[in-house]
């Protein structure tokens, strides 16, 4: 395909995706990022503040924040496709670049991330832009090192794993002197400085929380591998890429490692995606998810696989088969996601209507959901995305800080009071404004903290979703948390 044809192809896809997004209800992940944008911080439990800042930027310019942000994700997918084409054309030729665009836009993981607000797509866009500019600098135009560093810094502002890409580039340039000159040292130093600067704020925020959001376990548990968990993570990989594409990518990565010993172009591509894929392998061996890292390294792997695979007579047929299966898998994934979103909107409507069933004499004020995802989507819907001082829906109180809701105001918090401290209990100045309130709790099961915190708890309504899940709304009366 000629450049004009590629551009038209990407624009048509972006238009179709925008239409799909406009017809779909809000997903819990999207509602969560909207809530984060209402309470900006250097970082959040899910990662840096880039996604929340992106959503907040639309509100700053007068647009409906989340609605406008959702439409921008298909535009980011268009940009990712264009940058993948530029990178593949620079390294190989237009034929490979055209196939890369087709394969990339067929993958289920790309399509789902292109139509759901999250850090994956913007981080991919900035990573591809940084890699493309680094390639131009690699070819002798050192002025592009600065622009590459800015793009990598922006990528790490959305996803911590994005730092693995410039780390790989720096490592390969330092390891192979014949691929660089003296001017590259200053460029590499600038890239490293800008990335470290972008990570400074999020790392300071994580340090203030004793690294709870980013460190799971200790140095001893860091090497506790789980074979059963690896099998599950491997299946997740094959599922999000589609089984044929996933298998080809795994074979292609091993092939790339072999070819990188002798050829420059595979070495550059391995430097870009190698650390990210190795990080995914490490996470998979521990039974943990590492999808963000492998997603950032998918384009270089696809470029190499298509470029080397065309040496075989069956390559075109194999690529066509992979694209067809990937498209079918994308359709199934989007259908399942759309069905799940309908379920969330049903819960939101039922939850809102149940508020009217709280007895008129009760003191109202607390809405509780069993999980952060459920709390996010329910918290967004009552106000339709209006600005809120605190989350409209809380999660059950817990001694563990396991999500961003643990740092936001809660119905279990105590606030200052002019009350004079007792001689023995000096903490009595703290009061809880929700004592005596009634609440609604929504969940599949009733936690013990809810049973113990209210004088009486009774089921109010049971809701069955289209996917078979069942939730119950409980009426919780007379909140009785003891004062400090």
Protein backbone atom coordinates (compact mmCIF):
# COMPACT_ATOMS: atom_id res chain seq x y z
CA UNK A 1 0.00 0.00 0.00
CA UNK A 2 1.14 3.52 -0.75
CA UNK A 3 1.37 6.07 2.09
CA UNK A 4 -1.92 7.66 1.04
CA UNK A 5 -3.70 4.30 1.11
CA UNK A 6 -2.29 3.54 4.57
CA UNK A 7 -3.51 6.89 5.85
CA UNK A 8 -7.02 6.34 4.45
CA UNK A 9 -7.05 2.83 5.94
CA UNK A 10 -6.13 4.17 9.39
CA UNK A 11 -8.63 7.04 9.22
CA UNK A 12 -11.48 4.68 8.32
CA UNK A 13 -10.56 2.40 11.22
CA UNK A 14 -10.41 5.38 13.59
CA UNK A 15 -13.86 6.52 12.47
CA UNK A 16 -15.32 3.05 13.04
CA UNK A 17 -13.73 2.84 16.47
CA UNK A 18 -15.03 6.27 17.43
CA UNK A 19 -18.53 5.17 16.50
CA UNK A 20 -18.20 2.01 18.58
CA UNK A 21 -16.90 3.95 21.58
CA UNK A 22 -19.74 6.47 21.36
CA UNK A 23 -22.31 3.65 21.54
CA UNK A 24 -20.76 1.83 24.51
CA UNK A 25 -21.41 2.52 28.22
CA UNK A 26 -18.63 3.58 30.55
CA UNK A 27 -16.28 0.78 31.66
CA UNK A 28 -15.06 0.54 35.29
CA UNK A 29 -11.50 1.27 34.20
CA UNK A 30 -12.61 4.46 32.46
CA UNK A 31 -14.67 5.59 35.45
CA UNK A 32 -11.67 4.92 37.68
CA UNK A 33 -9.40 7.18 35.63
CA UNK A 34 -12.05 9.88 35.72
CA UNK A 35 -12.10 9.64 39.52
CA UNK A 36 -8.30 9.84 39.54
CA UNK A 37 -8.48 12.97 37.39
CA UNK A 38 -10.68 14.52 40.07
CA UNK A 39 -8.00 13.81 42.69
CA UNK A 40 -4.72 14.42 40.90
CA UNK A 41 -1.50 13.07 42.40
CA UNK A 42 2.05 12.35 41.12
CA UNK A 43 1.04 8.69 40.72
CA UNK A 44 -1.68 6.18 41.53
CA UNK A 45 -1.83 2.51 42.45
CA UNK A 46 -2.19 1.49 38.79
CA UNK A 47 0.80 3.57 37.64
CA UNK A 48 1.90 7.14 36.86
CA UNK A 49 -0.51 10.02 36.51
CA UNK A 50 -0.37 10.31 32.71
CA UNK A 51 -3.80 8.82 31.96
CA UNK A 52 -5.56 10.81 34.69
CA UNK A 53 -3.81 13.98 33.46
CA UNK A 54 -4.96 13.26 29.91
CA UNK A 55 -8.58 12.95 31.08
CA UNK A 56 -8.27 16.09 33.22
CA UNK A 57 -6.83 18.07 30.29
CA UNK A 58 -10.14 17.82 28.40
CA UNK A 59 -11.97 19.19 31.43
CA UNK A 60 -9.48 22.08 31.57
CA UNK A 61 -10.31 23.07 27.99
CA UNK A 62 -14.04 22.98 28.64
CA UNK A 63 -14.90 19.58 27.14
CA UNK A 64 -16.81 16.83 28.98
CA UNK A 65 -13.70 15.18 30.41
CA UNK A 66 -14.31 11.45 30.11
CA UNK A 67 -16.55 11.59 27.03
CA UNK A 68 -13.93 13.54 25.07
CA UNK A 69 -11.08 11.41 26.40
CA UNK A 70 -12.81 8.20 25.26
CA UNK A 71 -13.07 9.49 21.69
CA UNK A 72 -9.37 10.39 21.73
CA UNK A 73 -8.29 6.77 22.22
CA UNK A 74 -9.17 5.69 18.65
CA UNK A 75 -7.20 8.73 17.49
CA UNK A 76 -4.24 7.50 19.52
CA UNK A 77 -4.61 4.11 17.82
CA UNK A 78 -4.44 5.89 14.46
CA UNK A 79 -1.23 7.60 15.59
CA UNK A 80 0.21 4.27 16.76
CA UNK A 81 -0.51 2.70 13.38
CA UNK A 82 1.10 5.61 11.55
CA UNK A 83 4.21 5.52 13.72
CA UNK A 84 4.51 1.75 13.29
CA UNK A 85 4.41 2.30 9.51
CA UNK A 86 7.12 4.99 9.70
CA UNK A 87 9.36 2.81 11.86
CA UNK A 88 8.98 -0.29 9.65
CA UNK A 89 9.57 1.74 6.49
CA UNK A 90 12.70 3.29 7.98
CA UNK A 91 14.15 -0.09 8.96
CA UNK A 92 12.97 -2.17 5.97
CA UNK A 93 10.59 -0.93 3.25
CA UNK A 94 6.98 0.04 2.46
CA UNK A 95 5.82 -3.51 1.85
CA UNK A 96 6.80 -4.60 5.35
CA UNK A 97 5.38 -1.36 6.78
CA UNK A 98 2.00 -1.94 5.15
CA UNK A 99 1.77 -5.50 6.50
CA UNK A 100 2.76 -4.25 9.97
CA UNK A 101 -0.16 -1.81 9.96
CA UNK A 102 -2.60 -4.51 8.91
CA UNK A 103 -1.41 -7.09 11.46
CA UNK A 104 -1.23 -4.56 14.30
CA UNK A 105 -4.79 -3.35 13.75
CA UNK A 106 -6.07 -6.92 13.63
CA UNK A 107 -4.71 -7.98 17.04
CA UNK A 108 -7.34 -8.26 19.79
CA UNK A 109 -5.08 -6.62 22.38
CA UNK A 110 -4.62 -3.58 20.13
CA UNK A 111 -8.32 -3.22 19.35
CA UNK A 112 -9.46 -3.48 22.96
CA UNK A 113 -6.85 -0.95 24.12
CA UNK A 114 -7.77 1.34 21.23
CA UNK A 115 -11.32 1.68 22.52
CA UNK A 116 -10.90 1.77 26.29
CA UNK A 117 -9.33 4.61 28.25
CA UNK A 118 -6.12 3.33 29.83
CA UNK A 119 -2.35 3.78 29.85
CA UNK A 120 -1.50 1.14 27.22
CA UNK A 121 -2.33 3.07 24.02
CA UNK A 122 -0.78 6.48 24.85
CA UNK A 123 2.36 4.79 26.20
CA UNK A 124 2.61 2.75 22.97
CA UNK A 125 2.26 5.91 20.87
CA UNK A 126 5.05 7.72 22.70
CA UNK A 127 7.26 4.61 22.75
CA UNK A 128 6.91 4.21 18.98
CA UNK A 129 7.61 7.90 18.45
CA UNK A 130 10.68 7.64 20.68
CA UNK A 131 11.94 4.53 18.90
CA UNK A 132 11.41 6.07 15.46
CA UNK A 133 13.34 9.19 16.43
CA UNK A 134 16.03 7.08 18.09
CA UNK A 135 16.34 5.18 14.81
CA UNK A 136 16.87 8.47 12.97
CA UNK A 137 19.51 9.43 15.53
CA UNK A 138 21.04 5.93 15.21
CA UNK A 139 21.41 6.59 11.46
CA UNK A 140 23.51 9.68 12.10
CA UNK A 141 21.00 12.49 12.75
CA UNK A 142 21.93 13.02 16.39
CA UNK A 143 19.61 16.00 16.80
CA UNK A 144 16.72 13.53 17.20
CA UNK A 145 18.09 12.16 20.48
CA UNK A 146 16.47 15.01 22.41
CA UNK A 147 13.06 14.48 20.80
CA UNK A 148 13.40 10.74 21.42
CA UNK A 149 14.11 11.39 25.11
CA UNK A 150 11.04 13.61 25.42
CA UNK A 151 8.84 10.88 23.90
CA UNK A 152 10.27 8.20 26.19
CA UNK A 153 9.74 10.48 29.19
CA UNK A 154 6.10 10.99 28.19
CA UNK A 155 5.68 7.23 27.75
CA UNK A 156 6.97 6.55 31.26
CA UNK A 157 4.45 9.12 32.49
CA UNK A 158 1.75 6.64 31.46
CA UNK A 159 3.37 3.26 32.14
CA UNK A 160 6.37 2.31 34.28
CA UNK A 161 7.31 -0.54 31.92
CA UNK A 162 8.00 1.98 29.15
CA UNK A 163 11.37 2.66 30.78
CA UNK A 164 12.51 -0.76 29.53
CA UNK A 165 12.59 0.46 25.91
CA UNK A 166 15.15 3.29 26.28
CA UNK A 167 17.07 1.03 28.70
CA UNK A 168 17.46 -1.52 25.90
CA UNK A 169 18.56 1.13 23.41
CA UNK A 170 21.17 2.51 25.79
CA UNK A 171 22.48 -0.98 26.53
CA UNK A 172 22.91 -1.98 22.87
CA UNK A 173 24.60 1.28 21.90
CA UNK A 174 27.08 0.95 24.74
CA UNK A 175 27.67 -2.74 24.01
CA UNK A 176 28.36 -2.34 20.27
CA UNK A 177 30.72 0.64 19.66
CA UNK A 178 30.62 0.32 15.87
CA UNK A 179 26.96 1.41 15.85
CA UNK A 180 27.58 4.77 17.49
CA UNK A 181 29.85 7.79 17.46
CA UNK A 182 30.91 10.28 20.11
CA UNK A 183 27.86 12.49 19.63
CA UNK A 184 25.62 9.59 20.67
CA UNK A 185 26.94 9.73 24.24
CA UNK A 186 25.46 13.19 24.79
CA UNK A 187 22.18 12.06 23.21
CA UNK A 188 21.99 8.95 25.38
CA UNK A 189 22.76 11.01 28.47
CA UNK A 190 19.90 13.36 27.57
CA UNK A 191 17.50 10.44 27.06
CA UNK A 192 18.42 8.95 30.44
CA UNK A 193 18.11 12.33 32.17
CA UNK A 194 14.65 13.04 30.74
CA UNK A 195 13.33 9.57 31.62
CA UNK A 196 14.68 9.79 35.17
CA UNK A 197 13.16 13.26 35.51
CA UNK A 198 9.76 11.92 34.41
CA UNK A 199 9.97 9.10 36.95
CA UNK A 200 11.11 11.29 39.83
CA UNK A 201 7.63 12.38 40.95
CA UNK A 202 5.98 8.93 40.76
CA UNK A 203 8.91 7.29 42.55
CA UNK A 204 8.79 9.89 45.34
CA UNK A 205 5.04 9.24 45.69
CA UNK A 206 5.63 5.48 45.90
CA UNK A 207 8.41 6.00 48.42
CA UNK A 208 6.04 8.01 50.62
CA UNK A 209 3.79 4.92 50.70
CA UNK A 210 6.72 2.59 51.44
CA UNK A 211 6.58 1.23 47.85
CA UNK A 212 3.34 -0.66 48.52
CA UNK A 213 1.82 0.13 45.08
CA UNK A 214 4.77 -1.16 43.03
CA UNK A 215 6.52 -3.80 45.15
CA UNK A 216 4.75 -7.07 45.83
CA UNK A 217 6.65 -9.13 48.38
CA UNK A 218 10.33 -9.10 49.31
CA UNK A 219 13.66 -10.01 47.71
CA UNK A 220 13.03 -13.59 48.78
CA UNK A 221 9.62 -13.79 47.11
CA UNK A 222 11.00 -12.11 43.98
CA UNK A 223 12.46 -15.48 42.98
CA UNK A 224 9.48 -17.60 43.97
CA UNK A 225 8.40 -18.96 40.60
CA UNK A 226 5.05 -20.69 40.03
CA UNK A 227 4.85 -23.16 37.11
CA UNK A 228 1.04 -23.29 37.32
CA UNK A 229 0.87 -19.52 37.25
CA UNK A 230 3.17 -19.45 34.21
CA UNK A 231 0.79 -21.69 32.26
CA UNK A 232 -2.07 -19.34 33.06
CA UNK A 233 -0.09 -16.25 32.03
CA UNK A 234 0.99 -17.95 28.79
CA UNK A 235 -2.63 -18.68 27.97
CA UNK A 236 -3.51 -15.03 28.68
CA UNK A 237 -0.80 -14.01 26.22
CA UNK A 238 -2.13 -16.30 23.50
CA UNK A 239 -5.68 -15.17 24.17
CA UNK A 240 -5.08 -11.41 23.92
CA UNK A 241 -2.98 -11.75 20.77
CA UNK A 242 -5.05 -14.64 19.33
CA UNK A 243 -3.47 -18.10 19.40
CA UNK A 244 -1.86 -18.13 15.90
CA UNK A 245 -0.48 -14.60 16.27
CA UNK A 246 0.77 -15.32 19.78
CA UNK A 247 2.59 -18.46 18.67
CA UNK A 248 4.14 -16.67 15.69
CA UNK A 249 5.28 -13.82 17.95
CA UNK A 250 6.94 -16.22 20.39
CA UNK A 251 8.73 -18.00 17.55
CA UNK A 252 9.65 -14.67 15.99
CA UNK A 253 11.17 -13.38 19.21
CA UNK A 254 13.43 -16.44 19.49
CA UNK A 255 14.34 -16.05 15.83
CA UNK A 256 15.16 -12.38 16.43
CA UNK A 257 17.54 -13.27 19.26
CA UNK A 258 19.37 -15.62 16.91
CA UNK A 259 19.62 -13.13 14.03
CA UNK A 260 20.66 -10.23 16.29
CA UNK A 261 24.07 -11.81 16.73
CA UNK A 262 24.97 -11.19 13.11
CA UNK A 263 22.76 -8.43 11.67
CA UNK A 264 22.26 -4.80 12.65
CA UNK A 265 18.54 -4.37 12.01
CA UNK A 266 17.43 -7.36 14.13
CA UNK A 267 19.82 -6.12 16.81
CA UNK A 268 18.11 -2.74 16.89
CA UNK A 269 14.65 -4.32 17.06
CA UNK A 270 15.78 -6.70 19.81
CA UNK A 271 17.15 -3.74 21.78
CA UNK A 272 13.72 -2.10 21.56
CA UNK A 273 11.54 -5.04 22.55
CA UNK A 274 13.93 -7.47 24.26
CA UNK A 275 13.87 -6.02 27.82
CA UNK A 276 10.08 -5.65 27.73
CA UNK A 277 9.54 -9.25 26.62
CA UNK A 278 12.05 -10.57 29.15
CA UNK A 279 10.22 -8.64 31.86
CA UNK A 280 6.97 -10.27 30.74
CA UNK A 281 8.68 -13.68 30.93
CA UNK A 282 9.89 -12.95 34.47
CA UNK A 283 6.40 -11.84 35.55
CA UNK A 284 4.83 -14.89 33.90
CA UNK A 285 7.21 -17.25 35.71
CA UNK A 286 6.04 -15.70 38.97
CA UNK A 287 2.41 -16.09 37.90
CA UNK A 288 1.88 -12.34 37.60
CA UNK A 289 0.51 -10.23 34.76
CA UNK A 290 3.02 -8.40 32.56
CA UNK A 291 0.80 -7.51 29.64
CA UNK A 292 1.76 -3.84 29.53
CA UNK A 293 5.41 -4.67 28.91
CA UNK A 294 4.79 -7.18 26.14
CA UNK A 295 2.31 -4.80 24.46
CA UNK A 296 5.01 -2.12 24.24
CA UNK A 297 7.33 -4.56 22.47
CA UNK A 298 4.86 -6.04 20.00
CA UNK A 299 5.54 -3.70 17.05
CA UNK A 300 9.30 -4.45 16.74
CA UNK A 301 8.55 -8.18 16.98
CA UNK A 302 5.90 -7.91 14.23
CA UNK A 303 8.27 -5.89 12.03
CA UNK A 304 11.03 -8.49 12.29
CA UNK A 305 8.70 -11.45 11.81
CA UNK A 306 7.12 -10.01 8.67
CA UNK A 307 10.43 -8.84 7.20
CA UNK A 308 12.18 -12.18 7.70
CA UNK A 309 9.13 -14.31 7.03
CA UNK A 310 8.64 -12.99 3.50
CA UNK A 311 11.71 -14.98 2.45
CA UNK A 312 9.47 -18.05 2.46
CA UNK A 313 6.90 -18.76 -0.23
CA UNK A 314 4.16 -19.51 2.29
CA UNK A 315 4.64 -16.26 4.23
CA UNK A 316 1.78 -14.32 2.58
CA UNK A 317 -0.70 -17.14 3.17
CA UNK A 318 0.42 -17.53 6.80
CA UNK A 319 0.15 -13.79 7.43
CA UNK A 320 -3.32 -13.70 5.89
CA UNK A 321 -4.43 -16.61 8.07
CA UNK A 322 -3.09 -14.88 11.21
CA UNK A 323 -4.88 -11.64 10.30
CA UNK A 324 -8.21 -13.42 9.71
CA UNK A 325 -8.05 -15.34 13.00
CA UNK A 326 -6.94 -12.21 14.87
CA UNK A 327 -9.87 -10.24 13.45
CA UNK A 328 -12.31 -12.94 14.53
CA UNK A 329 -10.73 -12.99 17.99
CA UNK A 330 -10.97 -9.18 18.13
CA UNK A 331 -14.68 -9.37 17.34
CA UNK A 332 -15.25 -11.92 20.11
CA UNK A 333 -13.24 -9.87 22.62
CA UNK A 334 -15.12 -6.66 21.79
CA UNK A 335 -18.47 -8.45 21.97
CA UNK A 336 -17.65 -9.84 25.43
CA UNK A 337 -16.48 -6.44 26.62
CA UNK A 338 -19.62 -4.75 25.31
CA UNK A 339 -21.78 -7.34 27.06
CA UNK A 340 -19.93 -6.75 30.31
CA UNK A 341 -20.35 -2.99 30.04
CA UNK A 342 -24.10 -3.39 29.71
CA UNK A 343 -24.02 -5.26 33.01
CA UNK A 344 -22.25 -2.38 34.75
CA UNK A 345 -24.80 0.14 33.50
CA UNK A 346 -27.64 -2.13 34.73
CA UNK A 347 -26.07 -2.21 38.18
CA UNK A 348 -25.71 1.56 38.19
CA UNK A 349 -29.40 2.09 37.35
CA UNK A 350 -30.58 -0.40 39.94
CA UNK A 351 -28.31 1.07 42.59
CA UNK A 352 -29.58 4.61 41.95
CA UNK A 353 -33.23 3.52 42.10
CA UNK A 354 -32.60 1.69 45.38
CA UNK A 355 -31.54 4.92 47.09
CA UNK A 356 -35.22 5.91 47.18
CA UNK A 357 -36.01 2.85 49.29
CA UNK A 358 -34.02 4.02 52.32
CA UNK A 359 -36.61 4.87 55.01
CA UNK A 360 -37.45 8.57 55.14
CA UNK A 361 -36.49 8.94 58.80
CA UNK A 362 -33.00 7.50 58.33
CA UNK A 363 -29.92 9.67 58.08
CA UNK A 364 -28.55 8.99 54.58
CA UNK A 365 -25.02 9.42 53.32
CA UNK A 366 -23.11 6.21 52.60
CA UNK A 367 -23.00 4.14 49.39
CA UNK A 368 -20.65 1.14 49.44
CA UNK A 369 -19.53 -1.27 46.69
CA UNK A 370 -17.60 -4.50 47.23
CA UNK A 371 -14.68 -3.72 44.85
CA UNK A 372 -12.82 -0.69 43.46
CA UNK A 373 -14.03 -1.41 39.90
CA UNK A 374 -17.64 -1.55 41.01
CA UNK A 375 -17.23 1.55 43.17
CA UNK A 376 -15.69 3.47 40.27
CA UNK A 377 -18.47 2.79 37.78
CA UNK A 378 -21.19 3.41 40.37
CA UNK A 379 -19.45 6.56 41.53
CA UNK A 380 -19.37 7.96 38.00
CA UNK A 381 -22.96 7.28 36.98
CA UNK A 382 -24.98 9.20 39.60
CA UNK A 383 -23.38 12.49 38.62
CA UNK A 384 -22.79 11.64 34.99
CA UNK A 385 -19.18 12.67 35.33
CA UNK A 386 -19.69 15.88 37.26
CA UNK A 387 -16.91 17.13 39.50
CA UNK A 388 -17.04 15.61 42.99
CA UNK A 389 -15.26 16.53 46.21
CA UNK A 390 -14.95 12.90 47.26
CA UNK A 391 -15.80 9.52 45.71
CA UNK A 392 -19.56 9.16 45.65
CA UNK A 393 -19.31 5.43 46.33
CA UNK A 394 -16.91 3.90 48.86
CA UNK A 395 -15.47 0.40 49.29
CA UNK A 396 -15.70 -1.54 52.60
CA UNK A 397 -13.28 -0.35 55.25
CA UNK A 398 -10.13 -2.44 55.57
CA UNK A 399 -6.81 -2.20 57.42
CA UNK A 400 -4.98 -2.87 54.13
CA UNK A 401 -4.27 -0.21 51.52
CA UNK A 402 -4.69 -2.24 48.36
CA UNK A 403 -6.07 0.34 45.94
CA UNK A 404 -6.40 4.06 45.39
CA UNK A 405 -9.65 4.05 47.36
CA UNK A 406 -7.56 3.32 50.46
CA UNK A 407 -6.03 6.81 50.12
CA UNK A 408 -9.25 8.65 49.34
CA UNK A 409 -11.78 9.81 51.96
CA UNK A 410 -13.85 6.98 53.42
CA UNK A 411 -16.97 6.67 55.53
CA UNK A 412 -14.68 5.13 58.21
CA UNK A 413 -12.51 8.26 58.51
CA UNK A 414 -12.51 10.54 61.51
CA UNK A 415 -12.29 14.32 61.14
CA UNK A 416 -11.31 17.11 63.50
CA UNK A 417 -13.74 18.45 66.09
CA UNK A 418 -13.78 21.33 68.59
CA UNK A 419 -14.68 18.80 71.28
CA UNK A 420 -12.40 19.05 74.31
CA UNK A 421 -10.16 16.02 74.75
CA UNK A 422 -10.86 13.72 77.66
CA UNK A 423 -8.24 13.42 80.43
CA UNK A 424 -7.60 9.76 79.54
CA UNK A 425 -8.63 9.49 75.88
CA UNK A 426 -6.77 12.32 74.15
CA UNK A 427 -7.93 11.23 70.69
CA UNK A 428 -11.56 12.12 71.35
CA UNK A 429 -11.26 15.27 69.24
CA UNK A 430 -11.80 13.03 66.22
CA UNK A 431 -15.40 12.37 65.19
CA UNK A 432 -17.00 10.38 62.41
CA UNK A 433 -19.69 12.38 60.54
CA UNK A 434 -21.35 9.20 59.23
CA UNK A 435 -22.30 7.73 62.61
CA UNK A 436 -26.05 7.04 62.59
CA UNK A 437 -26.23 7.05 58.78
CA UNK A 438 -27.90 4.38 56.71
CA UNK A 439 -26.14 2.93 53.68
CA UNK A 440 -26.60 0.77 50.63
CA UNK A 441 -24.06 -1.99 49.98
CA UNK A 442 -23.76 -3.69 46.58
CA UNK A 443 -21.85 -6.92 46.16
CA UNK A 444 -21.98 -10.64 45.53
CA UNK A 445 -21.32 -11.39 49.21
CA UNK A 446 -21.67 -9.40 52.42
CA UNK A 447 -18.27 -8.80 54.12
CA UNK A 448 -17.86 -9.10 57.86
CA UNK A 449 -16.83 -5.44 58.17
CA UNK A 450 -20.25 -4.37 56.92
CA UNK A 451 -22.08 -6.72 59.28
CA UNK A 452 -20.16 -5.43 62.27
CA UNK A 453 -20.31 -1.73 61.42
CA UNK A 454 -24.10 -1.35 61.19
CA UNK A 455 -26.87 -2.08 63.66
CA UNK A 456 -28.87 -4.05 61.08
CA UNK A 457 -28.23 -5.35 57.56
CA UNK A 458 -30.96 -6.78 55.32
CA UNK A 459 -31.12 -7.71 51.61
CA UNK A 460 -33.06 -5.20 49.57
CA UNK A 461 -32.84 -6.35 45.95
CA UNK A 462 -31.07 -9.03 43.92
CA UNK A 463 -29.76 -8.28 40.43
CA UNK A 464 -28.81 -10.87 37.81
CA UNK A 465 -26.60 -9.60 34.98
CA UNK A 466 -26.69 -10.82 31.34
CA UNK A 467 -23.40 -12.70 31.84
CA UNK A 468 -24.85 -14.72 34.72
CA UNK A 469 -23.31 -12.89 37.68
CA UNK A 470 -25.57 -12.10 40.62
CA UNK A 471 -25.31 -9.09 42.94
CA UNK A 472 -27.38 -8.12 45.95
CA UNK A 473 -28.18 -4.66 47.29
CA UNK A 474 -28.25 -4.60 51.09
CA UNK A 475 -29.84 -1.93 53.26
CA UNK A 476 -27.47 -1.15 56.15
CA UNK A 477 -28.97 0.96 58.94
CA UNK A 478 -27.41 3.00 61.75
CA UNK A 479 -23.65 3.10 61.22
CA UNK A 480 -21.98 2.45 64.63
CA UNK A 481 -18.22 2.74 64.22
CA UNK A 482 -16.84 3.56 67.67
CA UNK A 483 -15.20 7.00 68.05
CA UNK A 484 -11.49 7.16 68.76
